[in-house]
Amino acid sequence: MEKFIYETKQEMGAAAAAGAAEIIKEVIENKGRANIILATGTSQIEMLKNLVATGRIDWAKVTMFHLDEYIALGPGHPASFRKFLKERFVDKVPDLKAVHFVDGDADDPQAECQRVNAVIAAHPIDAALIGIGENGHLAFNDPPADFETEVPFIIVELDDRCRNQQLGEGWFDTLEQVPQRAISMSIRQIMKSACLIVTVPDKRKAEAVRNALEGQVTPMCPASILQEHKNCKIFMDAEAASLLSGIKWSMKMAESQSNEYSKEYSEEGFWKKVKKYALKAGKEVIEKALMLFYCLQDKDTPKWAKGVIVAALGYFICPVDAIPDVVPVVGFADDLGVLVVALAMVAAHIKEEHKQKAKETLKTWFGDSE
């Protein structure tokens, strides 16, 4: 799983859309077509706004599937997911190859499941653009979710926390108006997607994000199953990621301009340490340290990310006997481990030029050998 963290939800949405666009474009180039799944809700608004604005995708070669829909709610209702996707995606890319909506107000919901099951069975999914609910759900698979069924679309009961989320987001006026059942893509069907692009903003999702990314894989947190996917990219804003262990450390370091680690940092000290440890630590680890250094030098790197990097590089430079006892609490065993975590935290701001400069610098110590 790759994690990308941005200071704002706007930056997060733009980055998630860019990542999705690259994948869709690559699939079209390789296969001549692409099958995608789109989710709905407030978490997807920024991403979809940026996705439809890209001019790099031949949408006529893209087939879109719909993730879930309320039962007995018409397509004209303000909370209808069909309405959401029609207004924010379908109408803005009108030359789509095909659109397969879930008809939540069909007379026979089970028959509707069977219909869309047959369609999606003939269309292996290349990319699923999804989110995570406040209760940790994926689609409308509320806890405890069914991790076993291979049926693509199923009928589910919505729990109170899920229904309150829909109310809180403003889709309904009262809790009584929120439907209690929905047709949802199953967990296993979502996991069959070749790539998952997960977009999660807002502080209210922070607990679910922590449980999904750092907790045990369990039906009680349906999104925890994402840990088992081979190609999952999760895009978060700083608030959604705020309870992750590495982020808590990074934010603490970034917020304090006078913390012990930041005071240890200097460019001279960095180069002295890197050169001393280069051969002993190995090419891969030193390359990561260099990428952080070049990212720090970049004027485009935001202040909070630079704070994380300075703290991490300061820790890296800091003599062992000067390191406070905070280390066991934070959970890092050594300074190189801190660099790896810091790199993950600011990965969204690591440019190709930073990577290239790191590779060029490495050549002076390791040559061209792999």
Protein backbone atom coordinates (compact mmCIF):
# COMPACT_ATOMS: atom_id res chain seq x y z
CA MET A 1 0.00 0.00 0.00
CA GLU A 2 1.29 3.44 -0.95
CA LYS A 3 0.25 6.37 1.24
CA PHE A 4 0.17 9.96 0.05
CA ILE A 5 -0.60 12.82 2.43
CA TYR A 6 -1.45 16.39 1.46
CA GLU A 7 -1.94 19.52 3.50
CA THR A 8 -5.40 20.25 2.03
CA LYS A 9 -8.24 18.23 0.54
CA GLN A 10 -7.90 20.25 -2.66
CA GLU A 11 -4.29 19.12 -3.09
CA MET A 12 -5.32 15.58 -2.18
CA GLY A 13 -8.12 15.52 -4.75
CA ALA A 14 -5.90 16.84 -7.51
CA ALA A 15 -3.18 14.28 -6.76
CA ALA A 16 -5.62 11.36 -6.56
CA ALA A 17 -7.15 12.38 -9.88
CA ALA A 18 -3.72 12.66 -11.48
CA GLY A 19 -2.79 9.21 -10.19
CA ALA A 20 -6.04 7.73 -11.47
CA ALA A 21 -5.65 9.42 -14.85
CA GLU A 22 -2.18 7.96 -15.32
CA ILE A 23 -3.42 4.48 -14.57
CA ILE A 24 -6.46 4.75 -16.86
CA LYS A 25 -4.34 6.16 -19.67
CA GLU A 26 -1.76 3.38 -19.28
CA VAL A 27 -4.44 0.67 -19.31
CA ILE A 28 -5.94 2.11 -22.50
CA GLU A 29 -2.52 2.18 -24.15
CA ASN A 30 -1.90 -1.46 -23.22
CA LYS A 31 -5.38 -2.94 -23.67
CA GLY A 32 -7.24 -0.52 -25.90
CA ARG A 33 -9.92 0.04 -23.23
CA ALA A 34 -10.36 0.51 -19.48
CA ASN A 35 -13.02 -0.53 -16.97
CA ILE A 36 -13.35 1.64 -13.87
CA ILE A 37 -15.46 1.85 -10.71
CA LEU A 38 -16.48 5.21 -9.26
CA ALA A 39 -17.60 5.94 -5.71
CA THR A 40 -19.66 8.89 -4.52
CA GLY A 41 -20.01 11.14 -1.48
CA THR A 42 -18.25 14.28 -0.34
CA SER A 43 -14.87 12.54 -0.21
CA GLN A 44 -14.91 12.11 -3.98
CA ILE A 45 -15.92 15.63 -5.04
CA GLU A 46 -12.43 17.14 -5.37
CA MET A 47 -11.03 14.05 -7.05
CA LEU A 48 -13.85 13.85 -9.63
CA LYS A 49 -13.63 17.59 -10.34
CA ASN A 50 -9.99 17.16 -11.28
CA LEU A 51 -10.46 13.85 -13.09
CA VAL A 52 -13.01 15.21 -15.57
CA ALA A 53 -10.75 18.20 -16.23
CA THR A 54 -7.87 16.11 -17.48
CA GLY A 55 -7.44 16.11 -21.23
CA ARG A 56 -5.22 13.06 -21.37
CA ILE A 57 -7.84 10.30 -21.33
CA ASP A 58 -9.74 8.87 -24.30
CA TRP A 59 -13.02 8.50 -22.45
CA ALA A 60 -14.63 6.78 -25.43
CA LYS A 61 -12.62 3.73 -24.43
CA VAL A 62 -13.70 3.78 -20.79
CA THR A 63 -16.55 1.78 -19.23
CA MET A 64 -17.79 3.02 -15.86
CA PHE A 65 -19.38 1.00 -13.08
CA HIS A 66 -21.31 2.38 -10.14
CA LEU A 67 -20.21 1.28 -6.64
CA ASP A 68 -23.49 1.33 -4.70
CA GLU A 69 -26.99 2.81 -4.44
CA TYR A 70 -29.77 3.16 -1.92
CA ILE A 71 -32.75 0.86 -2.33
CA ALA A 72 -36.08 2.59 -3.12
CA LEU A 73 -34.47 5.98 -3.78
CA GLY A 74 -35.17 7.45 -7.21
CA PRO A 75 -32.44 8.89 -9.48
CA GLY A 76 -33.85 12.39 -9.04
CA HIS A 77 -33.43 12.46 -5.26
CA PRO A 78 -30.65 14.82 -4.06
CA ALA A 79 -28.95 11.90 -2.28
CA SER A 80 -29.09 9.53 -5.27
CA PHE A 81 -25.64 8.27 -6.18
CA ARG A 82 -26.74 8.03 -9.81
CA LYS A 83 -27.58 11.72 -9.72
CA PHE A 84 -24.24 12.46 -8.05
CA LEU A 85 -22.23 10.65 -10.74
CA LYS A 86 -24.34 11.91 -13.61
CA GLU A 87 -23.84 15.54 -12.61
CA ARG A 88 -20.19 15.30 -11.54
CA PHE A 89 -18.83 12.80 -14.04
CA VAL A 90 -21.04 11.31 -16.76
CA ASP A 91 -22.42 14.60 -18.09
CA LYS A 92 -18.92 16.07 -18.14
CA VAL A 93 -17.39 13.22 -20.17
CA PRO A 94 -20.35 12.39 -22.45
CA ASP A 95 -18.39 10.19 -24.85
CA LEU A 96 -17.91 7.32 -22.37
CA LYS A 97 -17.94 3.89 -23.97
CA ALA A 98 -20.55 2.65 -21.48
CA VAL A 99 -22.09 3.51 -18.11
CA HIS A 100 -23.53 0.83 -15.82
CA PHE A 101 -25.56 2.35 -13.02
CA VAL A 102 -27.12 0.39 -10.18
CA ASP A 103 -30.91 0.86 -10.30
CA GLY A 104 -31.66 1.18 -6.61
CA ASP A 105 -35.37 1.77 -7.13
CA ALA A 106 -35.89 -1.33 -9.27
CA ASP A 107 -39.03 -3.31 -8.40
CA ASP A 108 -36.90 -6.34 -7.53
CA PRO A 109 -33.54 -5.38 -5.93
CA GLN A 110 -32.30 -8.97 -6.03
CA ALA A 111 -32.98 -9.18 -9.76
CA GLU A 112 -31.12 -5.88 -10.20
CA CYS A 113 -28.14 -7.40 -8.39
CA GLN A 114 -28.21 -10.35 -10.77
CA ARG A 115 -28.35 -8.02 -13.76
CA VAL A 116 -25.29 -5.95 -12.79
CA ASN A 117 -23.51 -9.10 -11.61
CA ALA A 118 -23.70 -10.50 -15.12
CA VAL A 119 -22.44 -7.28 -16.66
CA ILE A 120 -19.45 -6.78 -14.38
CA ALA A 121 -18.45 -10.44 -14.73
CA ALA A 122 -17.62 -9.67 -18.36
CA HIS A 123 -15.63 -6.54 -17.50
CA PRO A 124 -12.55 -7.10 -15.29
CA ILE A 125 -11.96 -3.87 -13.38
CA ASP A 126 -8.73 -2.01 -14.02
CA ALA A 127 -9.13 0.76 -11.45
CA ALA A 128 -11.55 1.37 -8.59
CA LEU A 129 -11.74 4.93 -7.29
CA ILE A 130 -13.19 4.59 -3.81
CA GLY A 131 -13.28 6.07 -0.30
CA ILE A 132 -13.50 4.97 3.33
CA GLY A 133 -16.53 5.66 5.54
CA GLU A 134 -16.51 7.01 9.07
CA ASN A 135 -17.31 3.50 10.32
CA GLY A 136 -14.55 2.02 8.15
CA HIS A 137 -16.89 0.77 5.44
CA LEU A 138 -15.98 0.20 1.80
CA ALA A 139 -18.92 0.96 -0.48
CA PHE A 140 -21.91 0.18 1.78
CA ASN A 141 -20.27 -2.83 3.40
CA ASP A 142 -20.73 -1.75 7.01
CA PRO A 143 -19.14 -3.70 9.89
CA PRO A 144 -19.16 -6.60 10.28
CA ALA A 145 -18.62 -6.87 6.53
CA ASP A 146 -18.80 -10.07 4.53
CA PHE A 147 -15.21 -10.86 3.52
CA GLU A 148 -16.14 -14.19 1.95
CA THR A 149 -18.86 -13.78 -0.66
CA GLU A 150 -17.70 -13.71 -4.27
CA VAL A 151 -21.03 -12.31 -5.48
CA PRO A 152 -20.26 -8.93 -7.13
CA PHE A 153 -23.30 -6.96 -5.93
CA ILE A 154 -25.25 -7.71 -2.77
CA ILE A 155 -28.08 -6.27 -0.70
CA VAL A 156 -26.88 -4.84 2.62
CA GLU A 157 -28.33 -3.27 5.76
CA LEU A 158 -26.95 0.14 6.70
CA ASP A 159 -25.87 0.60 10.31
CA ASP A 160 -26.68 3.68 12.38
CA ARG A 161 -23.23 5.23 12.10
CA CYS A 162 -23.34 4.95 8.32
CA ARG A 163 -26.80 6.48 8.16
CA ASN A 164 -25.75 9.29 10.49
CA GLN A 165 -22.79 10.01 8.21
CA GLN A 166 -25.16 10.48 5.26
CA LEU A 167 -27.26 12.81 7.40
CA GLY A 168 -24.20 14.71 8.62
CA GLU A 169 -22.97 15.27 5.07
CA GLY A 170 -26.25 17.00 4.27
CA TRP A 171 -27.80 14.52 1.86
CA PHE A 172 -30.93 14.14 4.01
CA ASP A 173 -32.90 16.40 6.36
CA THR A 174 -33.63 13.77 9.03
CA LEU A 175 -32.27 10.35 9.99
CA GLU A 176 -35.66 8.81 9.24
CA GLN A 177 -35.24 9.83 5.59
CA VAL A 178 -31.98 7.87 5.22
CA PRO A 179 -32.72 4.45 3.66
CA GLN A 180 -31.89 1.39 5.73
CA ARG A 181 -30.91 -0.84 2.80
CA ALA A 182 -28.75 -0.53 -0.28
CA ILE A 183 -27.28 -2.46 -3.17
CA SER A 184 -23.52 -2.51 -2.71
CA MET A 185 -20.52 -3.90 -4.52
CA SER A 186 -19.09 -6.63 -2.31
CA ILE A 187 -15.69 -6.52 -0.62
CA ARG A 188 -14.29 -9.32 -2.77
CA GLN A 189 -15.44 -7.65 -5.98
CA ILE A 190 -13.75 -4.39 -4.96
CA MET A 191 -10.57 -6.30 -4.14
CA LYS A 192 -10.55 -7.88 -7.61
CA SER A 193 -9.76 -4.47 -9.10
CA ALA A 194 -6.27 -4.33 -10.55
CA CYS A 195 -5.63 -0.98 -8.85
CA LEU A 196 -7.34 0.86 -6.00
CA ILE A 197 -7.25 4.64 -5.74
CA VAL A 198 -8.57 5.51 -2.27
CA THR A 199 -9.38 9.14 -1.48
CA VAL A 200 -10.01 10.07 2.17
CA PRO A 201 -10.28 13.66 3.48
CA ASP A 202 -11.42 15.16 6.80
CA LYS A 203 -10.76 14.74 10.51
CA ARG A 204 -13.98 12.74 10.95
CA LYS A 205 -12.36 9.92 8.95
CA ALA A 206 -9.12 9.86 10.98
CA GLU A 207 -10.12 7.03 13.32
CA ALA A 208 -11.30 4.87 10.43
CA VAL A 209 -8.07 5.56 8.53
CA ARG A 210 -5.93 4.57 11.51
CA ASN A 211 -7.89 1.37 12.05
CA ALA A 212 -7.82 0.52 8.35
CA LEU A 213 -4.12 1.14 7.80
CA GLU A 214 -2.60 0.20 11.16
CA GLY A 215 -5.09 -2.14 12.80
CA GLN A 216 -5.75 -5.82 12.28
CA VAL A 217 -7.51 -6.97 9.13
CA THR A 218 -11.03 -7.60 10.39
CA PRO A 219 -14.64 -7.43 9.16
CA MET A 220 -15.25 -4.99 12.01
CA CYS A 221 -13.20 -2.46 10.01
CA PRO A 222 -14.02 -3.39 6.42
CA ALA A 223 -11.42 -1.02 4.93
CA SER A 224 -8.65 -2.93 6.76
CA ILE A 225 -8.84 -5.45 3.91
CA LEU A 226 -7.04 -2.85 1.80
CA GLN A 227 -3.83 -3.95 3.53
CA GLU A 228 -4.02 -7.16 1.50
CA HIS A 229 -4.35 -5.53 -1.93
CA LYS A 230 -1.23 -5.63 -4.09
CA ASN A 231 -1.73 -2.25 -5.76
CA CYS A 232 -3.50 0.16 -3.43
CA LYS A 233 -2.76 3.88 -3.35
CA ILE A 234 -4.40 5.90 -0.59
CA PHE A 235 -4.59 9.69 -0.79
CA MET A 236 -5.34 11.61 2.43
CA ASP A 237 -5.36 15.16 3.61
CA ALA A 238 -3.43 15.94 6.80
CA GLU A 239 -6.56 15.78 8.96
CA ALA A 240 -7.62 12.33 7.78
CA ALA A 241 -4.08 11.06 8.36
CA SER A 242 -3.62 12.82 11.70
CA LEU A 243 -3.97 9.71 13.89
CA LEU A 244 -1.50 7.53 11.98
CA SER A 245 1.52 6.77 14.15
CA GLY A 246 4.10 8.14 11.75
CA ILE A 247 2.03 11.23 11.09
CA LYS A 248 1.64 11.98 14.78
CA TRP A 249 5.41 11.88 15.09
CA SER A 250 5.91 13.96 11.94
CA MET A 251 3.37 16.61 12.94
CA LYS A 252 4.90 16.90 16.38
CA MET A 253 8.32 17.38 14.86
CA ALA A 254 7.06 19.83 12.22
CA GLU A 255 5.10 21.97 14.68
CA SER A 256 8.08 22.58 16.94
CA GLN A 257 10.63 24.87 15.34
CA SER A 258 12.95 24.39 18.30
CA ASN A 259 12.73 20.66 18.95
CA GLU A 260 15.94 18.85 19.71
CA TYR A 261 16.14 17.10 16.35
CA SER A 262 15.56 20.20 14.22
CA LYS A 263 18.30 22.03 16.12
CA GLU A 264 20.73 19.27 15.19
CA TYR A 265 20.18 19.72 11.46
CA SER A 266 22.70 21.46 9.22
CA GLU A 267 23.59 20.89 5.60
CA GLU A 268 27.22 20.30 6.53
CA GLY A 269 26.26 17.78 9.19
CA PHE A 270 23.98 15.97 6.78
CA TRP A 271 26.68 15.48 4.15
CA LYS A 272 29.20 14.39 6.78
CA LYS A 273 26.82 11.73 8.13
CA VAL A 274 25.67 10.50 4.73
CA LYS A 275 29.20 10.14 3.37
CA LYS A 276 30.32 8.35 6.52
CA TYR A 277 27.45 5.87 6.45
CA ALA A 278 27.07 5.46 2.69
CA LEU A 279 28.84 2.14 2.18
CA LYS A 280 27.80 0.73 5.53
CA ALA A 281 24.12 1.61 5.23
CA GLY A 282 23.84 0.64 1.60
CA LYS A 283 22.67 2.25 -1.60
CA GLU A 284 18.92 1.91 -1.10
CA VAL A 285 18.77 3.58 2.32
CA ILE A 286 21.16 6.43 1.45
CA GLU A 287 19.17 7.11 -1.71
CA LYS A 288 16.10 7.73 0.46
CA ALA A 289 18.04 10.16 2.65
CA LEU A 290 19.23 12.04 -0.42
CA MET A 291 15.72 12.30 -1.83
CA LEU A 292 14.60 13.90 1.43
CA PHE A 293 17.50 16.33 1.29
CA TYR A 294 16.75 17.45 -2.26
CA CYS A 295 13.06 17.76 -1.45
CA LEU A 296 14.01 20.03 1.46
CA GLN A 297 15.96 22.27 -0.91
CA ASP A 298 13.00 22.68 -3.26
CA LYS A 299 11.13 25.99 -2.90
CA ASP A 300 7.87 24.23 -3.86
CA THR A 301 7.95 21.91 -0.86
CA PRO A 302 5.37 23.15 1.69
CA LYS A 303 6.45 24.40 5.10
CA TRP A 304 4.92 21.49 7.04
CA ALA A 305 6.74 18.93 4.86
CA LYS A 306 10.02 20.77 5.28
CA GLY A 307 9.46 20.68 9.03
CA VAL A 308 9.09 16.90 8.88
CA ILE A 309 12.24 16.55 6.79
CA VAL A 310 14.35 18.85 8.96
CA ALA A 311 13.32 16.94 12.07
CA ALA A 312 14.08 13.59 10.46
CA LEU A 313 17.43 14.68 9.07
CA GLY A 314 18.25 16.30 12.41
CA TYR A 315 17.55 12.97 14.10
CA PHE A 316 19.75 11.29 11.51
CA ILE A 317 22.62 13.64 12.31
CA CYS A 318 22.10 13.64 16.08
CA PRO A 319 24.77 11.66 18.01
CA VAL A 320 23.39 8.51 19.60
CA ASP A 321 24.17 9.65 23.15
CA ALA A 322 22.20 12.86 22.58
CA ILE A 323 18.95 11.17 21.53
CA PRO A 324 16.21 11.48 24.20
CA ASP A 325 14.32 8.50 25.56
CA VAL A 326 11.34 9.34 23.32
CA VAL A 327 12.56 6.86 20.72
CA PRO A 328 11.05 3.68 22.23
CA VAL A 329 7.73 5.47 22.69
CA VAL A 330 7.65 6.61 19.08
CA GLY A 331 8.62 3.14 17.96
CA PHE A 332 11.72 3.79 15.82
CA ALA A 333 14.66 1.47 16.27
CA ASP A 334 17.26 3.57 14.46
CA ASP A 335 17.83 6.82 12.60
CA LEU A 336 17.52 5.21 9.17
CA GLY A 337 14.07 3.98 10.15
CA VAL A 338 13.07 7.56 10.89
CA LEU A 339 14.21 8.61 7.41
CA VAL A 340 12.11 5.91 5.79
CA VAL A 341 9.01 6.99 7.71
CA ALA A 342 9.62 10.66 6.94
CA LEU A 343 9.96 9.83 3.25
CA ALA A 344 6.59 8.08 3.34
CA MET A 345 5.00 11.09 5.03
CA VAL A 346 6.18 13.57 2.39
CA ALA A 347 6.07 11.21 -0.59
CA ALA A 348 3.53 13.43 -2.32
CA HIS A 349 6.16 16.17 -2.61
CA ILE A 350 9.06 14.02 -3.84
CA LYS A 351 9.57 15.00 -7.48
CA GLU A 352 11.25 13.03 -10.23
CA GLU A 353 14.08 15.57 -10.22
CA HIS A 354 14.73 14.84 -6.53
CA LYS A 355 15.01 11.15 -7.32
CA GLN A 356 17.30 11.82 -10.27
CA LYS A 357 19.61 14.07 -8.23
CA ALA A 358 19.81 11.38 -5.57
CA LYS A 359 20.77 8.77 -8.17
CA GLU A 360 23.45 11.04 -9.65
CA THR A 361 24.94 11.71 -6.20
CA LEU A 362 24.97 7.98 -5.43
CA LYS A 363 27.13 7.33 -8.47
CA THR A 364 30.02 9.14 -6.81
CA TRP A 365 29.97 6.57 -3.99
CA PHE A 366 28.63 3.41 -5.57
CA GLY A 367 29.35 3.84 -9.27
CA ASP A 368 26.86 2.59 -11.84
CA SER A 369 26.48 -0.88 -10.33
CA GLU A 370 23.07 -1.99 -9.09
